[in-house]
C-alpha atoms as a PDB file:
ATOM      1  CA  MET A   1      16.798 -35.654   0.495  1.00  0.00           C
ATOM      2  CA  PHE A   2      20.160 -34.942   1.645  1.00  0.00           C
ATOM      3  CA  ILE A   3      21.135 -32.532  -1.781  1.00  0.00           C
ATOM      4  CA  ARG A   4      17.750 -31.145  -0.525  1.00  0.00           C
ATOM      5  CA  GLN A   5      18.163 -30.730   2.956  1.00  0.00           C
ATOM      6  CA  PHE A   6      21.411 -28.796   1.792  1.00  0.00           C
ATOM      7  CA  LEU A   7      20.201 -26.618  -0.695  1.00  0.00           C
ATOM      8  CA  PHE A   8      17.828 -25.721   1.685  1.00  0.00           C
ATOM      9  CA  THR A   9      20.246 -24.770   4.417  1.00  0.00           C
ATOM     10  CA  VAL A  10      22.811 -23.509   1.779  1.00  0.00           C
ATOM     11  CA  ALA A  11      19.695 -20.802   0.896  1.00  0.00           C
ATOM     12  CA  VAL A  12      18.600 -20.016   4.510  1.00  0.00           C
ATOM     13  CA  LEU A  13      22.493 -19.005   5.249  1.00  0.00           C
ATOM     14  CA  PHE A  14      22.668 -17.274   2.407  1.00  0.00           C
ATOM     15  CA  LEU A  15      19.213 -15.447   3.132  1.00  0.00           C
ATOM     16  CA  MET A  16      20.182 -15.027   6.876  1.00  0.00           C
ATOM     17  CA  SER A  17      23.629 -13.574   5.713  1.00  0.00           C
ATOM     18  CA  ASN A  18      22.091 -10.930   3.976  1.00  0.00           C
ATOM     19  CA  ALA A  19      18.945  -9.993   5.600  1.00  0.00           C
ATOM     20  CA  TYR A  20      19.828  -6.785   6.742  1.00  0.00           C
ATOM     21  CA  SER A  21      20.000  -5.788   2.866  1.00  0.00           C
ATOM     22  CA  GLN A  22      17.052  -7.638   1.586  1.00  0.00           C
ATOM     23  CA  LYS A  23      14.115  -5.794   0.564  1.00  0.00           C
ATOM     24  CA  ALA A  24      10.614  -6.809  -1.013  1.00  0.00           C
ATOM     25  CA  GLU A  25       7.303  -4.937  -2.054  1.00  0.00           C
ATOM     26  CA  VAL A  26       4.312  -6.006  -1.453  1.00  0.00           C
ATOM     27  CA  THR A  27       1.230  -4.265  -2.643  1.00  0.00           C
ATOM     28  CA  VAL A  28      -2.037  -4.250  -1.315  1.00  0.00           C
ATOM     29  CA  SER A  29      -5.145  -3.106  -3.176  1.00  0.00           C
ATOM     30  CA  LEU A  30      -8.553  -1.441  -1.843  1.00  0.00           C
ATOM     31  CA  ASN A  31     -11.246  -0.208  -4.242  1.00  0.00           C
ATOM     32  CA  GLU A  32     -14.544   1.588  -3.391  1.00  0.00           C
ATOM     33  CA  PRO A  33     -17.096  -1.495  -3.141  1.00  0.00           C
ATOM     34  CA  PHE A  34     -14.618  -3.027  -0.453  1.00  0.00           C
ATOM     35  CA  PHE A  35     -15.789   0.488   1.070  1.00  0.00           C
ATOM     36  CA  ASP A  36     -19.131   0.431   0.145  1.00  0.00           C
ATOM     37  CA  ALA A  37     -19.634  -3.307   1.798  1.00  0.00           C
ATOM     38  CA  LEU A  38     -17.597  -1.789   4.602  1.00  0.00           C
ATOM     39  CA  LEU A  39     -19.961   1.111   5.756  1.00  0.00           C
ATOM     40  CA  ASP A  40     -23.244  -0.937   4.898  1.00  0.00           C
ATOM     41  CA  SER A  41     -22.230  -3.528   7.435  1.00  0.00           C
ATOM     42  CA  MET A  42     -20.884  -0.769   9.663  1.00  0.00           C
ATOM     43  CA  TYR A  43     -24.503   1.001   9.942  1.00  0.00           C
ATOM     44  CA  GLN A  44     -26.299  -2.167   9.657  1.00  0.00           C
ATOM     45  CA  ASN A  45     -24.704  -3.379  12.647  1.00  0.00           C
ATOM     46  CA  PHE A  46     -23.977  -0.256  14.845  1.00  0.00           C
ATOM     47  CA  ASP A  47     -25.690   2.962  15.773  1.00  0.00           C
ATOM     48  CA  ALA A  48     -24.484   5.978  13.641  1.00  0.00           C
ATOM     49  CA  PRO A  49     -21.211   7.613  14.412  1.00  0.00           C
ATOM     50  CA  GLN A  50     -22.297  10.793  16.872  1.00  0.00           C
ATOM     51  CA  PHE A  51     -19.540  13.569  17.844  1.00  0.00           C
ATOM     52  CA  PRO A  52     -20.060  17.063  20.109  1.00  0.00           C
ATOM     53  CA  ILE A  53     -19.501  19.644  18.513  1.00  0.00           C
ATOM     54  CA  SER A  54     -19.026  21.641  21.480  1.00  0.00           C
ATOM     55  CA  ASN A  55     -17.159  21.981  24.872  1.00  0.00           C
ATOM     56  CA  SER A  56     -20.799  22.931  26.309  1.00  0.00           C
ATOM     57  CA  GLY A  57     -21.265  19.194  26.419  1.00  0.00           C
ATOM     58  CA  GLY A  58     -25.122  19.911  25.253  1.00  0.00           C
ATOM     59  CA  SER A  59     -28.143  19.714  27.313  1.00  0.00           C
ATOM     60  CA  ALA A  60     -31.228  17.217  27.329  1.00  0.00           C
ATOM     61  CA  SER A  61     -32.859  20.176  25.188  1.00  0.00           C
ATOM     62  CA  CYS A  62     -30.168  20.417  22.786  1.00  0.00           C
ATOM     63  CA  SER A  63     -27.521  17.823  22.772  1.00  0.00           C
ATOM     64  CA  GLU A  64     -24.754  20.035  20.198  1.00  0.00           C
ATOM     65  CA  THR A  65     -23.822  16.856  18.507  1.00  0.00           C
ATOM     66  CA  VAL A  66     -23.193  16.179  14.628  1.00  0.00           C
ATOM     67  CA  LYS A  67     -24.038  12.364  13.624  1.00  0.00           C
ATOM     68  CA  ILE A  68     -22.524  10.962  10.360  1.00  0.00           C
ATOM     69  CA  LEU A  69     -25.013   9.364   8.110  1.00  0.00           C
ATOM     70  CA  ARG A  70     -25.024   6.857   5.555  1.00  0.00           C
ATOM     71  CA  GLU A  71     -27.406   8.428   3.140  1.00  0.00           C
ATOM     72  CA  GLY A  72     -28.865  11.518   3.557  1.00  0.00           C
ATOM     73  CA  SER A  73     -29.315  15.480   1.811  1.00  0.00           C
ATOM     74  CA  GLY A  74     -28.874  14.122  -1.583  1.00  0.00           C
ATOM     75  CA  ALA A  75     -25.601  12.669  -0.145  1.00  0.00           C
ATOM     76  CA  ARG A  76     -24.110   9.066   0.368  1.00  0.00           C
ATOM     77  CA  THR A  77     -21.436   8.710   3.037  1.00  0.00           C
ATOM     78  CA  SER A  78     -19.272   6.791   1.200  1.00  0.00           C
ATOM     79  CA  VAL A  79     -14.994   6.672  -0.284  1.00  0.00           C
ATOM     80  CA  ARG A  80     -14.259   7.759  -3.803  1.00  0.00           C
ATOM     81  CA  PHE A  81     -10.738   7.484  -5.255  1.00  0.00           C
ATOM     82  CA  ARG A  82     -10.547  10.566  -8.330  1.00  0.00           C
ATOM     83  CA  GLU A  83      -8.169  12.182  -9.719  1.00  0.00           C
ATOM     84  CA  GLY A  84      -5.128  11.063  -7.272  1.00  0.00           C
ATOM     85  CA  LYS A  85      -6.870  11.405  -4.297  1.00  0.00           C
ATOM     86  CA  ILE A  86      -9.411  10.178  -1.581  1.00  0.00           C
ATOM     87  CA  TYR A  87     -12.644  12.005  -0.958  1.00  0.00           C
ATOM     88  CA  VAL A  88     -14.737  11.020   1.194  1.00  0.00           C
ATOM     89  CA  PRO A  89     -18.466  12.835   1.178  1.00  0.00           C
ATOM     90  CA  LEU A  90     -20.206  12.711   4.324  1.00  0.00           C
ATOM     91  CA  ALA A  91     -23.924  12.988   4.673  1.00  0.00           C
ATOM     92  CA  PHE A  92     -24.697  14.249   8.707  1.00  0.00           C
ATOM     93  CA  SER A  93     -27.271  16.048  10.780  1.00  0.00           C
ATOM     94  CA  GLY A  94     -27.451  17.543  14.397  1.00  0.00           C
ATOM     95  CA  ASN A  95     -27.933  20.569  16.105  1.00  0.00           C
ATOM     96  CA  TYR A  96     -25.848  23.554  18.338  1.00  0.00           C
ATOM     97  CA  ALA A  97     -26.789  25.957  20.906  1.00  0.00           C
ATOM     98  CA  PRO A  98     -25.583  29.470  19.977  1.00  0.00           C
ATOM     99  CA  PRO A  99     -25.781  32.429  22.410  1.00  0.00           C
ATOM    100  CA  PHE A 100     -29.336  33.817  21.949  1.00  0.00           C
ATOM    101  CA  VAL A 101     -30.486  31.739  19.862  1.00  0.00           C
ATOM    102  CA  GLY A 102     -31.594  28.654  21.331  1.00  0.00           C
ATOM    103  CA  CYS A 103     -30.941  25.529  19.856  1.00  0.00           C
ATOM    104  CA  VAL A 104     -30.637  25.261  15.896  1.00  0.00           C
ATOM    105  CA  GLU A 105     -31.388  21.867  14.080  1.00  0.00           C
ATOM    106  CA  PHE A 106     -29.064  21.035  10.731  1.00  0.00           C
ATOM    107  CA  ALA A 107     -28.135  18.980   7.611  1.00  0.00           C
ATOM    108  CA  GLY A 108     -26.454  18.826   5.250  1.00  0.00           C
ATOM    109  CA  TRP A 109     -23.291  17.025   3.684  1.00  0.00           C
ATOM    110  CA  ALA A 110     -19.207  17.441   3.839  1.00  0.00           C
ATOM    111  CA  GLU A 111     -16.677  17.392   0.969  1.00  0.00           C
ATOM    112  CA  THR A 112     -13.746  15.827   2.813  1.00  0.00           C
ATOM    113  CA  ASN A 113     -10.581  14.692   1.913  1.00  0.00           C
ATOM    114  CA  ILE A 114      -7.637  11.993   3.108  1.00  0.00           C
ATOM    115  CA  ASP A 115      -4.149  12.571   3.263  1.00  0.00           C
ATOM    116  CA  LEU A 116      -1.829   8.915   4.306  1.00  0.00           C
ATOM    117  CA  GLU A 117       0.756   9.352   6.342  1.00  0.00           C
ATOM    118  CA  PHE A 118       3.401   6.364   7.300  1.00  0.00           C
ATOM    119  CA  MET A 119       4.072   6.138  10.718  1.00  0.00           C
ATOM    120  CA  PRO A 120       7.339   4.454  10.611  1.00  0.00           C
ATOM    121  CA  ASP A 121       7.788   3.843  14.635  1.00  0.00           C
ATOM    122  CA  ASP A 122       4.357   2.124  15.276  1.00  0.00           C
ATOM    123  CA  GLN A 123       4.048   0.436  11.903  1.00  0.00           C
ATOM    124  CA  ARG A 124       1.187   1.779  10.648  1.00  0.00           C
ATOM    125  CA  LEU A 125      -0.486   3.736   7.612  1.00  0.00           C
ATOM    126  CA  ILE A 126      -3.099   6.721   8.759  1.00  0.00           C
ATOM    127  CA  GLY A 127      -5.060   9.229   7.184  1.00  0.00           C
ATOM    128  CA  ARG A 128      -6.027  12.965   8.074  1.00  0.00           C
ATOM    129  CA  ALA A 129      -9.474  13.777   7.187  1.00  0.00           C
ATOM    130  CA  LYS A 130      -9.858  17.217   5.950  1.00  0.00           C
ATOM    131  CA  VAL A 131     -13.147  19.378   5.484  1.00  0.00           C
ATOM    132  CA  LEU A 132     -13.155  21.135   1.977  1.00  0.00           C
ATOM    133  CA  ASN A 133     -16.495  22.211   1.961  1.00  0.00           C
ATOM    134  CA  VAL A 134     -19.913  22.533   3.793  1.00  0.00           C
ATOM    135  CA  HIS A 135     -23.418  22.070   2.083  1.00  0.00           C
ATOM    136  CA  LEU A 136     -26.633  22.796   4.356  1.00  0.00           C
ATOM    137  CA  ASN A 137     -29.949  22.091   3.642  1.00  0.00           C
ATOM    138  CA  GLY A 138     -31.887  25.548   2.253  1.00  0.00           C
ATOM    139  CA  SER A 139     -29.826  27.943   4.079  1.00  0.00           C
ATOM    140  CA  GLY A 140     -28.271  29.226   0.725  1.00  0.00           C
ATOM    141  CA  GLY A 141     -24.526  28.816   2.269  1.00  0.00           C
ATOM    142  CA  VAL A 142     -25.359  30.773   5.420  1.00  0.00           C
ATOM    143  CA  GLY A 143     -23.968  29.421   8.307  1.00  0.00           C
ATOM    144  CA  SER A 144     -21.856  26.883   6.276  1.00  0.00           C
ATOM    145  CA  SER A 145     -18.258  28.022   7.445  1.00  0.00           C
ATOM    146  CA  LEU A 146     -19.317  28.078  10.786  1.00  0.00           C
ATOM    147  CA  ILE A 147     -20.607  24.131  11.031  1.00  0.00           C
ATOM    148  CA  ALA A 148     -17.645  23.439   8.271  1.00  0.00           C
ATOM    149  CA  LYS A 149     -14.894  24.526  11.474  1.00  0.00           C
ATOM    150  CA  MET A 150     -17.309  22.682  14.364  1.00  0.00           C
ATOM    151  CA  LEU A 151     -17.243  19.006  12.014  1.00  0.00           C
ATOM    152  CA  GLN A 152     -13.473  19.320  11.671  1.00  0.00           C
ATOM    153  CA  SER A 153     -12.438  20.162  15.135  1.00  0.00           C
ATOM    154  CA  SER A 154     -15.125  17.045  15.328  1.00  0.00           C
ATOM    155  CA  ILE A 155     -13.329  14.699  13.412  1.00  0.00           C
ATOM    156  CA  ASP A 156      -9.861  16.269  14.614  1.00  0.00           C
ATOM    157  CA  LYS A 157     -10.707  15.179  18.097  1.00  0.00           C
ATOM    158  CA  LYS A 158     -12.406  12.181  17.563  1.00  0.00           C
ATOM    159  CA  LEU A 159     -11.501  10.417  14.200  1.00  0.00           C
ATOM    160  CA  ASN A 160      -8.352  11.767  13.727  1.00  0.00           C
ATOM    161  CA  PRO A 161      -5.866  10.276  12.818  1.00  0.00           C
ATOM    162  CA  ILE A 162      -7.677   7.415  11.103  1.00  0.00           C
ATOM    163  CA  GLU A 163      -5.866   4.257  10.859  1.00  0.00           C
ATOM    164  CA  VAL A 164      -5.945   2.483   7.264  1.00  0.00           C
ATOM    165  CA  LEU A 165      -3.220   0.142   7.900  1.00  0.00           C
ATOM    166  CA  ARG A 166      -1.409  -1.656  10.453  1.00  0.00           C
ATOM    167  CA  LEU A 167       1.417  -2.782   8.504  1.00  0.00           C
ATOM    168  CA  ASP A 168       2.582  -5.114  11.178  1.00  0.00           C
ATOM    169  CA  SER A 169      -0.609  -6.972  10.370  1.00  0.00           C
ATOM    170  CA  ALA A 170       0.312  -7.088   6.984  1.00  0.00           C
ATOM    171  CA  SER A 171       3.284  -9.146   7.240  1.00  0.00           C
ATOM    172  CA  PHE A 172       4.575 -12.362   7.870  1.00  0.00           C
ATOM    173  CA  GLY A 173       7.742 -14.065  10.235  1.00  0.00           C
ATOM    174  CA  ILE A 174      10.102 -16.586   8.619  1.00  0.00           C
ATOM    175  CA  PRO A 175      10.685 -19.640  10.838  1.00  0.00           C
ATOM    176  CA  ILE A 176      13.947 -20.976  10.456  1.00  0.00           C
ATOM    177  CA  PRO A 177      14.443 -24.510  11.356  1.00  0.00           C
ATOM    178  CA  ASN A 178      16.924 -24.762  14.615  1.00  0.00           C
ATOM    179  CA  THR A 179      17.926 -21.315  13.898  1.00  0.00           C
ATOM    180  CA  GLY A 180      15.061 -18.247  14.618  1.00  0.00           C
ATOM    181  CA  ASN A 181      13.149 -16.209  12.608  1.00  0.00           C
ATOM    182  CA  LEU A 182      12.884 -13.167  10.402  1.00  0.00           C
ATOM    183  CA  ARG A 183      10.821 -10.801  10.276  1.00  0.00           C
ATOM    184  CA  MET A 184       8.950  -8.576   8.017  1.00  0.00           C
ATOM    185  CA  LYS A 185       9.574  -4.242   8.687  1.00  0.00           C
ATOM    186  CA  ALA A 186       8.281  -2.165   6.656  1.00  0.00           C
ATOM    187  CA  VAL A 187      10.249   0.977   5.864  1.00  0.00           C
ATOM    188  CA  ALA A 188       8.318   2.381   2.854  1.00  0.00           C
ATOM    189  CA  VAL A 189       4.817   3.034   1.888  1.00  0.00           C
ATOM    190  CA  ARG A 190       3.883   4.460  -1.580  1.00  0.00           C
ATOM    191  CA  PRO A 191      -0.002   4.704  -1.719  1.00  0.00           C
ATOM    192  CA  GLU A 192      -0.991   5.090  -5.317  1.00  0.00           C
ATOM    193  CA  VAL A 193      -4.295   6.581  -6.074  1.00  0.00           C
ATOM    194  CA  ALA A 194      -6.281   5.366  -9.575  1.00  0.00           C
ATOM    195  CA  ASN A 195      -9.603   5.631 -10.301  1.00  0.00           C
ATOM    196  CA  GLY A 196     -11.822   3.621  -8.243  1.00  0.00           C
ATOM    197  CA  SER A 197      -9.058   2.379  -6.251  1.00  0.00           C
ATOM    198  CA  LEU A 198      -6.242   2.474  -3.634  1.00  0.00           C
ATOM    199  CA  SER A 199      -3.013   0.822  -4.287  1.00  0.00           C
ATOM    200  CA  ILE A 200      -0.305   0.730  -0.967  1.00  0.00           C
ATOM    201  CA  ALA A 201       2.922  -0.645  -2.169  1.00  0.00           C
ATOM    202  CA  ILE A 202       5.007  -1.743   1.164  1.00  0.00           C
ATOM    203  CA  THR A 203       8.530  -2.121   1.244  1.00  0.00           C
ATOM    204  CA  TYR A 204       9.524  -4.761   3.841  1.00  0.00           C
ATOM    205  CA  GLN A 205      13.141  -5.607   5.055  1.00  0.00           C
ATOM    206  CA  PHE A 206      13.698  -8.652   6.363  1.00  0.00           C
ATOM    207  CA  VAL A 207      15.575  -8.280   9.676  1.00  0.00           C
ATOM    208  CA  LYS A 208      16.475 -10.604  12.584  1.00  0.00           C
ATOM    209  CA  PRO A 209      14.136  -9.540  15.591  1.00  0.00           C
END
């Protein structure tokens, strides 16, 4: 028993003396079925996300909003990992009131991708969604560039940045008996996109709080 306690104490002292130089890597893996289940649950339990697309605030006859649908226009809102990129097709419907025209309804789907960025100060991995292209139902492309701009503006105001992972929640403290604690602090993040999955390699440093 004494030998075991002695070895434990030596190990702890060694860890503490090297706390600022010791690093470890943790990998978090997320796949497409995970996001499908998450989106299914979100749409089953909550109303579809809806955002304003103009500064006017709309009116009773024309709300001037866009709604992100689970499915519509031959597309399904989802998260897909392909060719090293994160693709997010978005099915949507909405309406807006151009000057002298009146309320115009639209529907379609948007090609969107997400770029990841590590924020070391607040220990977060965030994503920024960017609309690449918009496909409108039955418009032959007419008006798609305008809808793309309005949709991007709405995403920037209401969604971006998207918190993908809070890294302090993915860490744990190490209690040192009669001494204190060591904390894991993320110092680097390396996302790797494979076909069908996303792996996030997080480099942690052990620090004294």
